[in-house]
Amino acid sequence: MSEALERVIAQQQKEIDQLRLAAARNTESWRRQNAAVDRVAHAAFGAINHPEDFEIRNQLRHSLVALGFCPRCEARPCHCDD
């Protein structure tokens, strides 16, 4: 193989490796996000079904904060300092 062709192949392989890494990171990010949404849904249904249970309401609050919502202004991202 010519040297120029080897350089092109090496560059393309580098790009493929970067794309695979980005895809793996995106997949992991989606997995974490879906798990967080599942926690919020579970806590929300618990709060709906047992409105007197402060622990369940606290779990819901923590789940929303973990998703990036501000408990004070209820926005994501926080608008309290605006």
PDB file of N, CA and C in Angstrom:
ATOM      1  N   MET A   1       0.845  -1.185   0.000  1.00  0.00           N
ATOM      2  CA  MET A   1       0.000   0.000   0.000  1.00  0.00           C
ATOM      3  C   MET A   1       0.888   1.245   0.000  1.00  0.00           C
ATOM      4  N   SER A   2       0.372   2.274  -0.597  1.00  0.00           N
ATOM      5  CA  SER A   2       1.145   3.509  -0.624  1.00  0.00           C
ATOM      6  C   SER A   2       1.049   4.212   0.719  1.00  0.00           C
ATOM      7  N   GLU A   3       2.014   5.033   0.973  1.00  0.00           N
ATOM      8  CA  GLU A   3       2.064   5.787   2.234  1.00  0.00           C
ATOM      9  C   GLU A   3       0.868   6.725   2.376  1.00  0.00           C
ATOM     10  N   ALA A   4       0.470   7.350   1.276  1.00  0.00           N
ATOM     11  CA  ALA A   4      -0.685   8.262   1.304  1.00  0.00           C
ATOM     12  C   ALA A   4      -1.963   7.499   1.648  1.00  0.00           C
ATOM     13  N   LEU A   5      -2.139   6.326   1.078  1.00  0.00           N
ATOM     14  CA  LEU A   5      -3.317   5.524   1.366  1.00  0.00           C
ATOM     15  C   LEU A   5      -3.331   5.081   2.826  1.00  0.00           C
ATOM     16  N   GLU A   6      -2.197   4.715   3.353  1.00  0.00           N
ATOM     17  CA  GLU A   6      -2.101   4.322   4.763  1.00  0.00           C
ATOM     18  C   GLU A   6      -2.469   5.475   5.685  1.00  0.00           C
ATOM     19  N   ARG A   7      -2.052   6.691   5.326  1.00  0.00           N
ATOM     20  CA  ARG A   7      -2.414   7.865   6.138  1.00  0.00           C
ATOM     21  C   ARG A   7      -3.921   8.097   6.112  1.00  0.00           C
ATOM     22  N   VAL A   8      -4.526   7.962   4.946  1.00  0.00           N
ATOM     23  CA  VAL A   8      -5.972   8.152   4.811  1.00  0.00           C
ATOM     24  C   VAL A   8      -6.706   7.098   5.636  1.00  0.00           C
ATOM     25  N   ILE A   9      -6.268   5.860   5.544  1.00  0.00           N
ATOM     26  CA  ILE A   9      -6.901   4.782   6.311  1.00  0.00           C
ATOM     27  C   ILE A   9      -6.748   5.038   7.806  1.00  0.00           C
ATOM     28  N   ALA A  10      -5.584   5.458   8.250  1.00  0.00           N
ATOM     29  CA  ALA A  10      -5.347   5.741   9.671  1.00  0.00           C
ATOM     30  C   ALA A  10      -6.236   6.885  10.145  1.00  0.00           C
ATOM     31  N   GLN A  11      -6.376   7.926   9.330  1.00  0.00           N
ATOM     32  CA  GLN A  11      -7.235   9.062   9.693  1.00  0.00           C
ATOM     33  C   GLN A  11      -8.691   8.629   9.784  1.00  0.00           C
ATOM     34  N   GLN A  12      -9.140   7.827   8.832  1.00  0.00           N
ATOM     35  CA  GLN A  12     -10.516   7.354   8.860  1.00  0.00           C
ATOM     36  C   GLN A  12     -10.765   6.446  10.064  1.00  0.00           C
ATOM     37  N   GLN A  13      -9.786   5.606  10.398  1.00  0.00           N
ATOM     38  CA  GLN A  13      -9.939   4.746  11.570  1.00  0.00           C
ATOM     39  C   GLN A  13     -10.022   5.580  12.848  1.00  0.00           C
ATOM     40  N   LYS A  14      -9.233   6.644  12.910  1.00  0.00           N
ATOM     41  CA  LYS A  14      -9.282   7.541  14.066  1.00  0.00           C
ATOM     42  C   LYS A  14     -10.675   8.178  14.190  1.00  0.00           C
ATOM     43  N   GLU A  15     -11.237   8.608  13.077  1.00  0.00           N
ATOM     44  CA  GLU A  15     -12.578   9.193  13.083  1.00  0.00           C
ATOM     45  C   GLU A  15     -13.628   8.161  13.491  1.00  0.00           C
ATOM     46  N   ILE A  16     -13.489   6.943  13.005  1.00  0.00           N
ATOM     47  CA  ILE A  16     -14.421   5.870  13.387  1.00  0.00           C
ATOM     48  C   ILE A  16     -14.345   5.606  14.881  1.00  0.00           C
ATOM     49  N   ASP A  17     -13.135   5.553  15.417  1.00  0.00           N
ATOM     50  CA  ASP A  17     -12.966   5.321  16.854  1.00  0.00           C
ATOM     51  C   ASP A  17     -13.592   6.443  17.678  1.00  0.00           C
ATOM     52  N   GLN A  18     -13.430   7.690  17.221  1.00  0.00           N
ATOM     53  CA  GLN A  18     -14.032   8.828  17.925  1.00  0.00           C
ATOM     54  C   GLN A  18     -15.556   8.754  17.879  1.00  0.00           C
ATOM     55  N   LEU A  19     -16.109   8.372  16.745  1.00  0.00           N
ATOM     56  CA  LEU A  19     -17.561   8.242  16.622  1.00  0.00           C
ATOM     57  C   LEU A  19     -18.098   7.118  17.504  1.00  0.00           C
ATOM     58  N   ARG A  20     -17.372   6.019  17.581  1.00  0.00           N
ATOM     59  CA  ARG A  20     -17.796   4.914  18.453  1.00  0.00           C
ATOM     60  C   ARG A  20     -17.776   5.344  19.913  1.00  0.00           C
ATOM     61  N   LEU A  21     -16.744   6.081  20.311  1.00  0.00           N
ATOM     62  CA  LEU A  21     -16.667   6.573  21.685  1.00  0.00           C
ATOM     63  C   LEU A  21     -17.815   7.536  21.975  1.00  0.00           C
ATOM     64  N   ALA A  22     -18.098   8.433  21.044  1.00  0.00           N
ATOM     65  CA  ALA A  22     -19.215   9.375  21.223  1.00  0.00           C
ATOM     66  C   ALA A  22     -20.540   8.627  21.321  1.00  0.00           C
ATOM     67  N   ALA A  23     -20.722   7.603  20.512  1.00  0.00           N
ATOM     68  CA  ALA A  23     -21.960   6.817  20.553  1.00  0.00           C
ATOM     69  C   ALA A  23     -22.097   6.107  21.898  1.00  0.00           C
ATOM     70  N   ALA A  24     -21.001   5.558  22.404  1.00  0.00           N
ATOM     71  CA  ALA A  24     -21.043   4.879  23.706  1.00  0.00           C
ATOM     72  C   ALA A  24     -21.385   5.868  24.813  1.00  0.00           C
ATOM     73  N   ARG A  25     -20.808   7.058  24.755  1.00  0.00           N
ATOM     74  CA  ARG A  25     -21.109   8.082  25.761  1.00  0.00           C
ATOM     75  C   ARG A  25     -22.563   8.516  25.681  1.00  0.00           C
ATOM     76  N   ASN A  26     -23.075   8.687  24.470  1.00  0.00           N
ATOM     77  CA  ASN A  26     -24.483   9.074  24.304  1.00  0.00           C
ATOM     78  C   ASN A  26     -25.418   8.004  24.836  1.00  0.00           C
ATOM     79  N   THR A  27     -25.091   6.755  24.569  1.00  0.00           N
ATOM     80  CA  THR A  27     -25.913   5.650  25.063  1.00  0.00           C
ATOM     81  C   THR A  27     -25.947   5.645  26.584  1.00  0.00           C
ATOM     82  N   GLU A  28     -24.800   5.836  27.210  1.00  0.00           N
ATOM     83  CA  GLU A  28     -24.740   5.865  28.672  1.00  0.00           C
ATOM     84  C   GLU A  28     -25.505   7.065  29.226  1.00  0.00           C
ATOM     85  N   SER A  29     -25.399   8.197  28.560  1.00  0.00           N
ATOM     86  CA  SER A  29     -26.138   9.389  28.990  1.00  0.00           C
ATOM     87  C   SER A  29     -27.645   9.150  28.908  1.00  0.00           C
ATOM     88  N   TRP A  30     -28.118   8.547  27.823  1.00  0.00           N
ATOM     89  CA  TRP A  30     -29.540   8.231  27.684  1.00  0.00           C
ATOM     90  C   TRP A  30     -29.985   7.234  28.751  1.00  0.00           C
ATOM     91  N   ARG A  31     -29.138   6.259  29.058  1.00  0.00           N
ATOM     92  CA  ARG A  31     -29.474   5.268  30.082  1.00  0.00           C
ATOM     93  C   ARG A  31     -29.654   5.948  31.437  1.00  0.00           C
ATOM     94  N   ARG A  32     -28.723   6.847  31.787  1.00  0.00           N
ATOM     95  CA  ARG A  32     -28.822   7.562  33.063  1.00  0.00           C
ATOM     96  C   ARG A  32     -30.058   8.455  33.097  1.00  0.00           C
ATOM     97  N   GLN A  33     -30.322   9.146  31.995  1.00  0.00           N
ATOM     98  CA  GLN A  33     -31.477  10.047  31.927  1.00  0.00           C
ATOM     99  C   GLN A  33     -32.786   9.263  32.058  1.00  0.00           C
ATOM    100  N   ASN A  34     -32.878   8.141  31.375  1.00  0.00           N
ATOM    101  CA  ASN A  34     -34.093   7.321  31.479  1.00  0.00           C
ATOM    102  C   ASN A  34     -34.277   6.777  32.885  1.00  0.00           C
ATOM    103  N   ALA A  35     -33.198   6.394  33.541  1.00  0.00           N
ATOM    104  CA  ALA A  35     -33.292   5.910  34.920  1.00  0.00           C
ATOM    105  C   ALA A  35     -33.780   7.036  35.834  1.00  0.00           C
ATOM    106  N   ALA A  36     -33.305   8.254  35.604  1.00  0.00           N
ATOM    107  CA  ALA A  36     -33.737   9.394  36.418  1.00  0.00           C
ATOM    108  C   ALA A  36     -35.225   9.678  36.200  1.00  0.00           C
ATOM    109  N   VAL A  37     -35.676   9.593  34.965  1.00  0.00           N
ATOM    110  CA  VAL A  37     -37.100   9.812  34.670  1.00  0.00           C
ATOM    111  C   VAL A  37     -37.938   8.724  35.335  1.00  0.00           C
ATOM    112  N   ASP A  38     -37.459   7.486  35.315  1.00  0.00           N
ATOM    113  CA  ASP A  38     -38.175   6.400  35.989  1.00  0.00           C
ATOM    114  C   ASP A  38     -38.295   6.659  37.489  1.00  0.00           C
ATOM    115  N   ARG A  39     -37.229   7.197  38.105  1.00  0.00           N
ATOM    116  CA  ARG A  39     -37.279   7.500  39.541  1.00  0.00           C
ATOM    117  C   ARG A  39     -38.309   8.593  39.827  1.00  0.00           C
ATOM    118  N   VAL A  40     -38.361   9.601  38.974  1.00  0.00           N
ATOM    119  CA  VAL A  40     -39.341  10.678  39.148  1.00  0.00           C
ATOM    120  C   VAL A  40     -40.756  10.126  38.999  1.00  0.00           C
ATOM    121  N   ALA A  41     -40.979   9.318  37.983  1.00  0.00           N
ATOM    122  CA  ALA A  41     -42.320   8.756  37.769  1.00  0.00           C
ATOM    123  C   ALA A  41     -42.734   7.890  38.953  1.00  0.00           C
ATOM    124  N   HIS A  42     -41.833   7.068  39.439  1.00  0.00           N
ATOM    125  CA  HIS A  42     -42.135   6.209  40.584  1.00  0.00           C
ATOM    126  C   HIS A  42     -42.497   7.060  41.812  1.00  0.00           C
ATOM    127  N   ALA A  43     -41.697   8.086  42.074  1.00  0.00           N
ATOM    128  CA  ALA A  43     -41.971   8.950  43.221  1.00  0.00           C
ATOM    129  C   ALA A  43     -43.255   9.749  43.020  1.00  0.00           C
ATOM    130  N   ALA A  44     -43.524  10.186  41.784  1.00  0.00           N
ATOM    131  CA  ALA A  44     -44.738  10.965  41.512  1.00  0.00           C
ATOM    132  C   ALA A  44     -45.985  10.116  41.752  1.00  0.00           C
ATOM    133  N   PHE A  45     -45.980   8.891  41.254  1.00  0.00           N
ATOM    134  CA  PHE A  45     -47.132   8.025  41.495  1.00  0.00           C
ATOM    135  C   PHE A  45     -47.278   7.710  42.976  1.00  0.00           C
ATOM    136  N   GLY A  46     -46.163   7.562  43.670  1.00  0.00           N
ATOM    137  CA  GLY A  46     -46.230   7.352  45.116  1.00  0.00           C
ATOM    138  C   GLY A  46     -46.855   8.538  45.819  1.00  0.00           C
ATOM    139  N   ALA A  47     -46.475   9.749  45.396  1.00  0.00           N
ATOM    140  CA  ALA A  47     -47.027  10.961  46.007  1.00  0.00           C
ATOM    141  C   ALA A  47     -48.516  11.111  45.685  1.00  0.00           C
ATOM    142  N   ILE A  48     -48.899  10.731  44.482  1.00  0.00           N
ATOM    143  CA  ILE A  48     -50.315  10.802  44.105  1.00  0.00           C
ATOM    144  C   ILE A  48     -51.132   9.791  44.913  1.00  0.00           C
ATOM    145  N   ASN A  49     -50.605   8.590  45.030  1.00  0.00           N
ATOM    146  CA  ASN A  49     -51.340   7.523  45.716  1.00  0.00           C
ATOM    147  C   ASN A  49     -51.301   7.641  47.243  1.00  0.00           C
ATOM    148  N   HIS A  50     -50.298   8.319  47.768  1.00  0.00           N
ATOM    149  CA  HIS A  50     -50.148   8.477  49.225  1.00  0.00           C
ATOM    150  C   HIS A  50     -49.762   9.923  49.542  1.00  0.00           C
ATOM    151  N   PRO A  51     -50.674  10.880  49.328  1.00  0.00           N
ATOM    152  CA  PRO A  51     -50.326  12.303  49.507  1.00  0.00           C
ATOM    153  C   PRO A  51     -49.945  12.661  50.940  1.00  0.00           C
ATOM    154  N   GLU A  52     -50.314  11.836  51.902  1.00  0.00           N
ATOM    155  CA  GLU A  52     -49.979  12.129  53.300  1.00  0.00           C
ATOM    156  C   GLU A  52     -48.575  11.683  53.675  1.00  0.00           C
ATOM    157  N   ASP A  53     -47.910  10.910  52.813  1.00  0.00           N
ATOM    158  CA  ASP A  53     -46.589  10.357  53.113  1.00  0.00           C
ATOM    159  C   ASP A  53     -45.509  11.363  52.730  1.00  0.00           C
ATOM    160  N   PHE A  54     -44.937  12.025  53.746  1.00  0.00           N
ATOM    161  CA  PHE A  54     -43.919  13.047  53.506  1.00  0.00           C
ATOM    162  C   PHE A  54     -42.629  12.457  52.954  1.00  0.00           C
ATOM    163  N   GLU A  55     -42.318  11.223  53.277  1.00  0.00           N
ATOM    164  CA  GLU A  55     -41.102  10.586  52.767  1.00  0.00           C
ATOM    165  C   GLU A  55     -41.178  10.411  51.253  1.00  0.00           C
ATOM    166  N   ILE A  56     -42.337   9.999  50.761  1.00  0.00           N
ATOM    167  CA  ILE A  56     -42.512   9.844  49.314  1.00  0.00           C
ATOM    168  C   ILE A  56     -42.431  11.200  48.630  1.00  0.00           C
ATOM    169  N   ARG A  57     -43.042  12.212  49.224  1.00  0.00           N
ATOM    170  CA  ARG A  57     -42.956  13.561  48.657  1.00  0.00           C
ATOM    171  C   ARG A  57     -41.518  14.056  48.648  1.00  0.00           C
ATOM    172  N   ASN A  58     -40.759  13.719  49.693  1.00  0.00           N
ATOM    173  CA  ASN A  58     -39.353  14.092  49.756  1.00  0.00           C
ATOM    174  C   ASN A  58     -38.550  13.375  48.660  1.00  0.00           C
ATOM    175  N   GLN A  59     -38.866  12.104  48.402  1.00  0.00           N
ATOM    176  CA  GLN A  59     -38.205  11.357  47.327  1.00  0.00           C
ATOM    177  C   GLN A  59     -38.485  12.008  45.972  1.00  0.00           C
ATOM    178  N   LEU A  60     -39.722  12.455  45.783  1.00  0.00           N
ATOM    179  CA  LEU A  60     -40.077  13.138  44.546  1.00  0.00           C
ATOM    180  C   LEU A  60     -39.276  14.426  44.396  1.00  0.00           C
ATOM    181  N   ARG A  61     -39.185  15.192  45.457  1.00  0.00           N
ATOM    182  CA  ARG A  61     -38.421  16.444  45.432  1.00  0.00           C
ATOM    183  C   ARG A  61     -36.959  16.160  45.073  1.00  0.00           C
ATOM    184  N   HIS A  62     -36.350  15.153  45.704  1.00  0.00           N
ATOM    185  CA  HIS A  62     -34.952  14.813  45.429  1.00  0.00           C
ATOM    186  C   HIS A  62     -34.765  14.322  43.991  1.00  0.00           C
ATOM    187  N   SER A  63     -35.738  13.581  43.484  1.00  0.00           N
ATOM    188  CA  SER A  63     -35.660  13.096  42.107  1.00  0.00           C
ATOM    189  C   SER A  63     -35.710  14.254  41.111  1.00  0.00           C
ATOM    190  N   LEU A  64     -36.548  15.232  41.385  1.00  0.00           N
ATOM    191  CA  LEU A  64     -36.633  16.404  40.508  1.00  0.00           C
ATOM    192  C   LEU A  64     -35.355  17.236  40.563  1.00  0.00           C
ATOM    193  N   VAL A  65     -34.805  17.387  41.747  1.00  0.00           N
ATOM    194  CA  VAL A  65     -33.540  18.123  41.884  1.00  0.00           C
ATOM    195  C   VAL A  65     -32.422  17.386  41.146  1.00  0.00           C
ATOM    196  N   ALA A  66     -32.416  16.051  41.212  1.00  0.00           N
ATOM    197  CA  ALA A  66     -31.404  15.260  40.509  1.00  0.00           C
ATOM    198  C   ALA A  66     -31.506  15.442  38.993  1.00  0.00           C
ATOM    199  N   LEU A  67     -32.705  15.741  38.499  1.00  0.00           N
ATOM    200  CA  LEU A  67     -32.880  16.021  37.073  1.00  0.00           C
ATOM    201  C   LEU A  67     -32.486  17.448  36.714  1.00  0.00           C
ATOM    202  N   GLY A  68     -32.171  18.267  37.719  1.00  0.00           N
ATOM    203  CA  GLY A  68     -31.720  19.627  37.460  1.00  0.00           C
ATOM    204  C   GLY A  68     -32.750  20.701  37.730  1.00  0.00           C
ATOM    205  N   PHE A  69     -33.902  20.341  38.292  1.00  0.00           N
ATOM    206  CA  PHE A  69     -34.931  21.332  38.596  1.00  0.00           C
ATOM    207  C   PHE A  69     -34.632  22.013  39.927  1.00  0.00           C
ATOM    208  N   CYS A  70     -34.884  23.306  39.987  1.00  0.00           N
ATOM    209  CA  CYS A  70     -34.710  24.074  41.216  1.00  0.00           C
ATOM    210  C   CYS A  70     -35.990  23.956  42.041  1.00  0.00           C
ATOM    211  N   PRO A  71     -35.887  23.563  43.315  1.00  0.00           N
ATOM    212  CA  PRO A  71     -37.098  23.426  44.131  1.00  0.00           C
ATOM    213  C   PRO A  71     -37.753  24.773  44.454  1.00  0.00           C
ATOM    214  N   ARG A  72     -37.005  25.858  44.330  1.00  0.00           N
ATOM    215  CA  ARG A  72     -37.556  27.168  44.655  1.00  0.00           C
ATOM    216  C   ARG A  72     -38.328  27.764  43.479  1.00  0.00           C
ATOM    217  N   CYS A  73     -37.677  27.838  42.305  1.00  0.00           N
ATOM    218  CA  CYS A  73     -38.348  28.462  41.147  1.00  0.00           C
ATOM    219  C   CYS A  73     -38.974  27.426  40.224  1.00  0.00           C
ATOM    220  N   GLU A  74     -38.732  26.154  40.491  1.00  0.00           N
ATOM    221  CA  GLU A  74     -39.296  25.040  39.728  1.00  0.00           C
ATOM    222  C   GLU A  74     -38.911  25.051  38.266  1.00  0.00           C
ATOM    223  N   ALA A  75     -37.748  25.609  37.960  1.00  0.00           N
ATOM    224  CA  ALA A  75     -37.275  25.693  36.568  1.00  0.00           C
ATOM    225  C   ALA A  75     -36.005  24.866  36.403  1.00  0.00           C
ATOM    226  N   ARG A  76     -35.734  24.548  35.133  1.00  0.00           N
ATOM    227  CA  ARG A  76     -34.502  23.857  34.799  1.00  0.00           C
ATOM    228  C   ARG A  76     -33.955  24.516  33.550  1.00  0.00           C
ATOM    229  N   PRO A  77     -32.853  25.182  33.622  1.00  0.00           N
ATOM    230  CA  PRO A  77     -32.025  25.463  34.803  1.00  0.00           C
ATOM    231  C   PRO A  77     -32.666  26.523  35.698  1.00  0.00           C
ATOM    232  N   CYS A  78     -32.089  26.684  36.846  1.00  0.00           N
ATOM    233  CA  CYS A  78     -32.611  27.606  37.858  1.00  0.00           C
ATOM    234  C   CYS A  78     -32.667  29.044  37.317  1.00  0.00           C
ATOM    235  N   HIS A  79     -33.773  29.725  37.624  1.00  0.00           N
ATOM    236  CA  HIS A  79     -33.947  31.133  37.234  1.00  0.00           C
ATOM    237  C   HIS A  79     -33.965  32.060  38.450  1.00  0.00           C
ATOM    238  N   CYS A  80     -33.598  31.531  39.604  1.00  0.00           N
ATOM    239  CA  CYS A  80     -33.675  32.324  40.835  1.00  0.00           C
ATOM    240  C   CYS A  80     -32.758  33.557  40.802  1.00  0.00           C
ATOM    241  N   ASP A  81     -31.617  33.445  40.122  1.00  0.00           N
ATOM    242  CA  ASP A  81     -30.655  34.552  40.113  1.00  0.00           C
ATOM    243  C   ASP A  81     -30.874  35.513  38.968  1.00  0.00           C
ATOM    244  N   ASP A  82     -31.864  35.227  38.114  1.00  0.00           N
ATOM    245  CA  ASP A  82     -32.119  36.104  36.950  1.00  0.00           C
ATOM    246  C   ASP A  82     -32.653  37.445  37.389  1.00  0.00           C
TER     247      ASP A  82
END
